[in-house]
N, C-alpha and C. Protein backbone atom coordinates (compact mmCIF):
# COMPACT_ATOMS: atom_id res chain seq x y z
N UNK A 1 -32.46 -56.52 -35.28
CA UNK A 1 -31.45 -56.67 -34.31
C UNK A 1 -32.01 -56.58 -32.91
N UNK A 2 -31.57 -57.34 -32.00
CA UNK A 2 -31.87 -57.18 -30.64
C UNK A 2 -30.62 -57.10 -29.82
N UNK A 3 -30.64 -56.45 -28.72
CA UNK A 3 -29.42 -56.31 -27.94
C UNK A 3 -29.75 -56.30 -26.45
N UNK A 4 -28.79 -56.64 -25.64
CA UNK A 4 -28.88 -56.55 -24.25
C UNK A 4 -27.45 -56.36 -23.65
N UNK A 5 -27.44 -55.83 -22.50
CA UNK A 5 -26.16 -55.58 -21.88
C UNK A 5 -26.27 -54.65 -20.70
N UNK A 6 -25.21 -54.58 -20.00
CA UNK A 6 -25.17 -53.64 -18.85
C UNK A 6 -23.83 -52.88 -18.94
N UNK A 7 -23.85 -51.68 -18.47
CA UNK A 7 -22.59 -50.87 -18.38
C UNK A 7 -22.04 -50.66 -19.79
N UNK A 8 -20.78 -50.87 -19.87
CA UNK A 8 -20.05 -50.62 -21.20
C UNK A 8 -20.13 -51.82 -22.13
N UNK A 9 -20.77 -52.97 -21.69
CA UNK A 9 -20.72 -54.13 -22.47
C UNK A 9 -22.13 -54.30 -23.06
N UNK A 10 -22.14 -54.58 -24.36
CA UNK A 10 -23.44 -54.76 -25.07
C UNK A 10 -23.29 -55.99 -25.98
N UNK A 11 -24.28 -56.77 -26.08
CA UNK A 11 -24.29 -57.91 -26.95
C UNK A 11 -25.37 -57.68 -27.96
N UNK A 12 -25.02 -57.86 -29.18
CA UNK A 12 -26.00 -57.67 -30.27
C UNK A 12 -26.13 -58.92 -31.10
N UNK A 13 -27.29 -59.26 -31.48
CA UNK A 13 -27.51 -60.47 -32.35
C UNK A 13 -28.13 -59.89 -33.68
N UNK A 14 -27.58 -60.49 -34.75
CA UNK A 14 -28.17 -60.26 -36.08
C UNK A 14 -28.48 -61.61 -36.70
N UNK A 15 -29.60 -61.66 -37.43
CA UNK A 15 -30.07 -62.89 -37.98
C UNK A 15 -30.15 -62.76 -39.46
N UNK A 16 -29.87 -63.91 -40.10
CA UNK A 16 -30.11 -64.09 -41.56
C UNK A 16 -30.82 -65.39 -41.71
N UNK A 17 -31.82 -65.40 -42.60
CA UNK A 17 -32.50 -66.61 -42.94
C UNK A 17 -31.99 -67.14 -44.23
N UNK A 18 -31.77 -68.46 -44.31
CA UNK A 18 -31.13 -68.95 -45.52
C UNK A 18 -32.07 -69.33 -46.63
N UNK A 19 -33.38 -69.50 -46.36
CA UNK A 19 -34.24 -69.75 -47.42
C UNK A 19 -35.64 -69.26 -47.04
N UNK A 20 -36.53 -69.05 -48.11
CA UNK A 20 -37.84 -68.58 -47.79
C UNK A 20 -38.57 -69.53 -46.93
N UNK A 21 -38.37 -70.85 -47.06
CA UNK A 21 -39.13 -71.81 -46.27
C UNK A 21 -38.71 -71.75 -44.77
N UNK A 22 -37.57 -71.25 -44.42
CA UNK A 22 -37.11 -71.11 -43.08
C UNK A 22 -37.66 -69.82 -42.38
N UNK A 23 -38.25 -68.87 -43.17
CA UNK A 23 -38.68 -67.64 -42.59
C UNK A 23 -40.10 -67.68 -42.11
N UNK A 24 -40.37 -67.11 -40.94
CA UNK A 24 -41.78 -66.95 -40.57
C UNK A 24 -42.42 -65.88 -41.45
N UNK A 25 -43.71 -65.91 -41.47
CA UNK A 25 -44.44 -64.97 -42.38
C UNK A 25 -44.15 -63.46 -42.18
N UNK A 26 -43.85 -63.15 -40.92
CA UNK A 26 -43.57 -61.72 -40.57
C UNK A 26 -42.08 -61.42 -40.54
N UNK A 27 -41.25 -62.17 -41.19
CA UNK A 27 -39.76 -61.99 -41.26
C UNK A 27 -39.46 -60.60 -41.76
N UNK A 28 -38.58 -59.89 -41.01
CA UNK A 28 -38.13 -58.56 -41.49
C UNK A 28 -36.56 -58.54 -41.54
N UNK A 29 -35.91 -59.67 -41.29
CA UNK A 29 -34.48 -59.73 -41.31
C UNK A 29 -33.89 -59.89 -42.67
N UNK A 30 -32.61 -60.03 -42.80
CA UNK A 30 -31.93 -60.25 -44.03
C UNK A 30 -32.32 -61.63 -44.61
N UNK A 31 -32.24 -61.67 -45.92
CA UNK A 31 -32.52 -62.99 -46.60
C UNK A 31 -31.61 -63.15 -47.79
N UNK A 32 -30.35 -62.88 -47.51
CA UNK A 32 -29.30 -63.05 -48.59
C UNK A 32 -28.03 -63.68 -47.89
N UNK A 33 -27.17 -64.01 -48.77
CA UNK A 33 -25.87 -64.62 -48.25
C UNK A 33 -25.11 -63.63 -47.44
N UNK A 34 -24.42 -64.14 -46.45
CA UNK A 34 -23.52 -63.27 -45.69
C UNK A 34 -22.26 -63.09 -46.51
N UNK A 35 -21.98 -61.82 -46.86
CA UNK A 35 -20.82 -61.43 -47.64
C UNK A 35 -20.26 -60.12 -47.06
N UNK A 36 -19.22 -59.63 -47.64
CA UNK A 36 -18.62 -58.40 -47.21
C UNK A 36 -19.61 -57.21 -47.26
N UNK A 37 -20.44 -57.15 -48.26
CA UNK A 37 -21.42 -56.14 -48.28
C UNK A 37 -22.39 -56.15 -47.13
N UNK A 38 -22.95 -57.35 -46.84
CA UNK A 38 -23.82 -57.37 -45.71
C UNK A 38 -23.08 -57.12 -44.41
N UNK A 39 -21.92 -57.63 -44.28
CA UNK A 39 -21.18 -57.36 -43.04
C UNK A 39 -20.85 -55.88 -42.84
N UNK A 40 -20.60 -55.18 -43.96
CA UNK A 40 -20.36 -53.71 -43.83
C UNK A 40 -21.59 -52.97 -43.35
N UNK A 41 -22.78 -53.54 -43.57
CA UNK A 41 -24.03 -52.98 -43.09
C UNK A 41 -24.27 -53.31 -41.57
N UNK A 42 -23.91 -54.48 -41.18
CA UNK A 42 -24.31 -54.98 -39.82
C UNK A 42 -23.18 -55.06 -38.83
N UNK A 43 -21.95 -55.15 -39.21
CA UNK A 43 -20.87 -55.31 -38.24
C UNK A 43 -20.75 -54.04 -37.38
N UNK A 44 -20.51 -54.24 -36.13
CA UNK A 44 -20.35 -52.98 -35.22
C UNK A 44 -19.20 -52.10 -35.71
N UNK A 45 -19.44 -50.81 -35.71
CA UNK A 45 -18.43 -49.86 -36.08
C UNK A 45 -17.25 -49.81 -35.13
N UNK A 46 -17.51 -50.22 -33.89
CA UNK A 46 -16.40 -50.13 -32.88
C UNK A 46 -15.51 -51.31 -32.92
N UNK A 47 -15.64 -52.14 -33.95
CA UNK A 47 -14.77 -53.36 -34.14
C UNK A 47 -14.79 -54.28 -32.95
N UNK A 48 -15.97 -54.51 -32.46
CA UNK A 48 -16.18 -55.30 -31.26
C UNK A 48 -15.72 -56.75 -31.41
N UNK A 49 -15.64 -57.44 -30.28
CA UNK A 49 -15.31 -58.88 -30.29
C UNK A 49 -16.50 -59.52 -31.08
N UNK A 50 -16.13 -60.34 -32.05
CA UNK A 50 -17.05 -60.94 -32.95
C UNK A 50 -16.98 -62.49 -32.94
N UNK A 51 -18.11 -63.20 -32.90
CA UNK A 51 -18.16 -64.64 -32.86
C UNK A 51 -18.76 -65.10 -34.16
N UNK A 52 -18.15 -66.03 -34.81
CA UNK A 52 -18.64 -66.63 -36.08
C UNK A 52 -18.69 -68.13 -35.95
N UNK A 53 -19.87 -68.73 -36.15
CA UNK A 53 -20.01 -70.16 -36.02
C UNK A 53 -20.69 -70.70 -37.24
N UNK A 54 -20.22 -71.87 -37.77
CA UNK A 54 -20.86 -72.48 -38.86
C UNK A 54 -19.90 -73.49 -39.57
N UNK A 55 -20.23 -73.94 -40.74
CA UNK A 55 -19.32 -74.84 -41.49
C UNK A 55 -18.08 -74.04 -41.87
N UNK A 56 -16.95 -74.78 -41.98
CA UNK A 56 -15.65 -74.21 -42.16
C UNK A 56 -15.64 -73.16 -43.33
N UNK A 57 -16.19 -73.48 -44.51
CA UNK A 57 -16.11 -72.46 -45.60
C UNK A 57 -16.75 -71.13 -45.25
N UNK A 58 -17.93 -71.26 -44.53
CA UNK A 58 -18.63 -70.06 -44.12
C UNK A 58 -17.82 -69.25 -43.14
N UNK A 59 -17.30 -69.95 -42.11
CA UNK A 59 -16.50 -69.34 -41.08
C UNK A 59 -15.31 -68.59 -41.66
N UNK A 60 -14.64 -69.23 -42.56
CA UNK A 60 -13.43 -68.68 -43.18
C UNK A 60 -13.82 -67.44 -43.97
N UNK A 61 -14.89 -67.56 -44.76
CA UNK A 61 -15.31 -66.40 -45.63
C UNK A 61 -15.74 -65.17 -44.80
N UNK A 62 -16.46 -65.39 -43.73
CA UNK A 62 -16.95 -64.34 -42.88
C UNK A 62 -15.71 -63.72 -42.12
N UNK A 63 -14.87 -64.53 -41.58
CA UNK A 63 -13.67 -63.96 -40.80
C UNK A 63 -12.81 -63.19 -41.78
N UNK A 64 -12.52 -63.65 -43.03
CA UNK A 64 -11.71 -62.89 -43.95
C UNK A 64 -12.44 -61.62 -44.33
N UNK A 65 -13.73 -61.58 -44.55
CA UNK A 65 -14.38 -60.38 -44.80
C UNK A 65 -14.35 -59.38 -43.68
N UNK A 66 -14.47 -59.84 -42.45
CA UNK A 66 -14.34 -58.93 -41.32
C UNK A 66 -13.00 -58.33 -41.18
N UNK A 67 -11.92 -59.14 -41.44
CA UNK A 67 -10.61 -58.57 -41.47
C UNK A 67 -10.44 -57.55 -42.59
N UNK A 68 -10.95 -57.80 -43.71
CA UNK A 68 -10.93 -56.85 -44.87
C UNK A 68 -11.66 -55.55 -44.46
N UNK A 69 -12.59 -55.62 -43.60
CA UNK A 69 -13.41 -54.43 -43.11
C UNK A 69 -12.65 -53.73 -42.06
N UNK A 70 -11.49 -54.19 -41.54
CA UNK A 70 -10.75 -53.56 -40.53
C UNK A 70 -10.76 -54.17 -39.15
N UNK A 71 -11.46 -55.28 -39.01
CA UNK A 71 -11.54 -55.96 -37.71
C UNK A 71 -10.19 -56.62 -37.42
N UNK A 72 -9.78 -56.52 -36.13
CA UNK A 72 -8.58 -57.18 -35.71
C UNK A 72 -8.77 -58.67 -35.62
N UNK A 73 -7.90 -59.48 -36.33
CA UNK A 73 -8.13 -60.88 -36.34
C UNK A 73 -8.24 -61.52 -34.96
N UNK A 74 -7.51 -60.99 -33.95
CA UNK A 74 -7.55 -61.59 -32.61
C UNK A 74 -8.85 -61.28 -31.91
N UNK A 75 -9.67 -60.42 -32.47
CA UNK A 75 -11.08 -60.10 -31.84
C UNK A 75 -12.15 -60.90 -32.60
N UNK A 76 -11.78 -61.77 -33.52
CA UNK A 76 -12.75 -62.60 -34.24
C UNK A 76 -12.62 -64.10 -33.68
N UNK A 77 -13.61 -64.53 -32.99
CA UNK A 77 -13.58 -65.87 -32.43
C UNK A 77 -14.44 -66.78 -33.36
N UNK A 78 -13.92 -67.93 -33.61
CA UNK A 78 -14.59 -68.81 -34.58
C UNK A 78 -14.85 -70.19 -33.96
N UNK A 79 -15.92 -70.83 -34.44
CA UNK A 79 -16.22 -72.20 -34.07
C UNK A 79 -16.81 -72.82 -35.31
N UNK A 80 -16.21 -74.01 -35.67
CA UNK A 80 -16.62 -74.71 -36.94
C UNK A 80 -17.38 -75.97 -36.55
N UNK A 81 -18.31 -76.32 -37.41
CA UNK A 81 -18.98 -77.63 -37.21
C UNK A 81 -19.23 -78.23 -38.56
N UNK A 82 -19.52 -79.51 -38.62
CA UNK A 82 -19.72 -80.24 -39.84
C UNK A 82 -18.41 -80.77 -40.41
N UNK A 83 -18.41 -81.21 -41.65
CA UNK A 83 -17.18 -81.76 -42.27
C UNK A 83 -16.10 -80.70 -42.39
N UNK A 84 -14.86 -81.10 -42.20
CA UNK A 84 -13.70 -80.20 -42.35
C UNK A 84 -12.92 -80.62 -43.58
N UNK A 85 -12.01 -79.73 -43.97
CA UNK A 85 -11.19 -79.94 -45.06
C UNK A 85 -11.79 -79.51 -46.34
N UNK A 86 -10.93 -79.63 -47.46
CA UNK A 86 -11.39 -79.27 -48.83
C UNK A 86 -12.36 -78.34 -48.99
């Protein structure tokens, strides 16, 4: 995780690699699917404003998991890309 910010505002980034081929040799981040278990480990405890971006099924699954973990739906911002529907 890396973070930056000033005052009361902090921005944190967490990264996951989706395959071994995508990872640099010195990779120390997560290398598993993003699910409720992973989010319970990495999501901020203060229920911060959260941004989720990706294909629709991914965005929906992550947003639902965050809500299940106690995050306020209005504090979860989403952006979808790729095919939509079904």
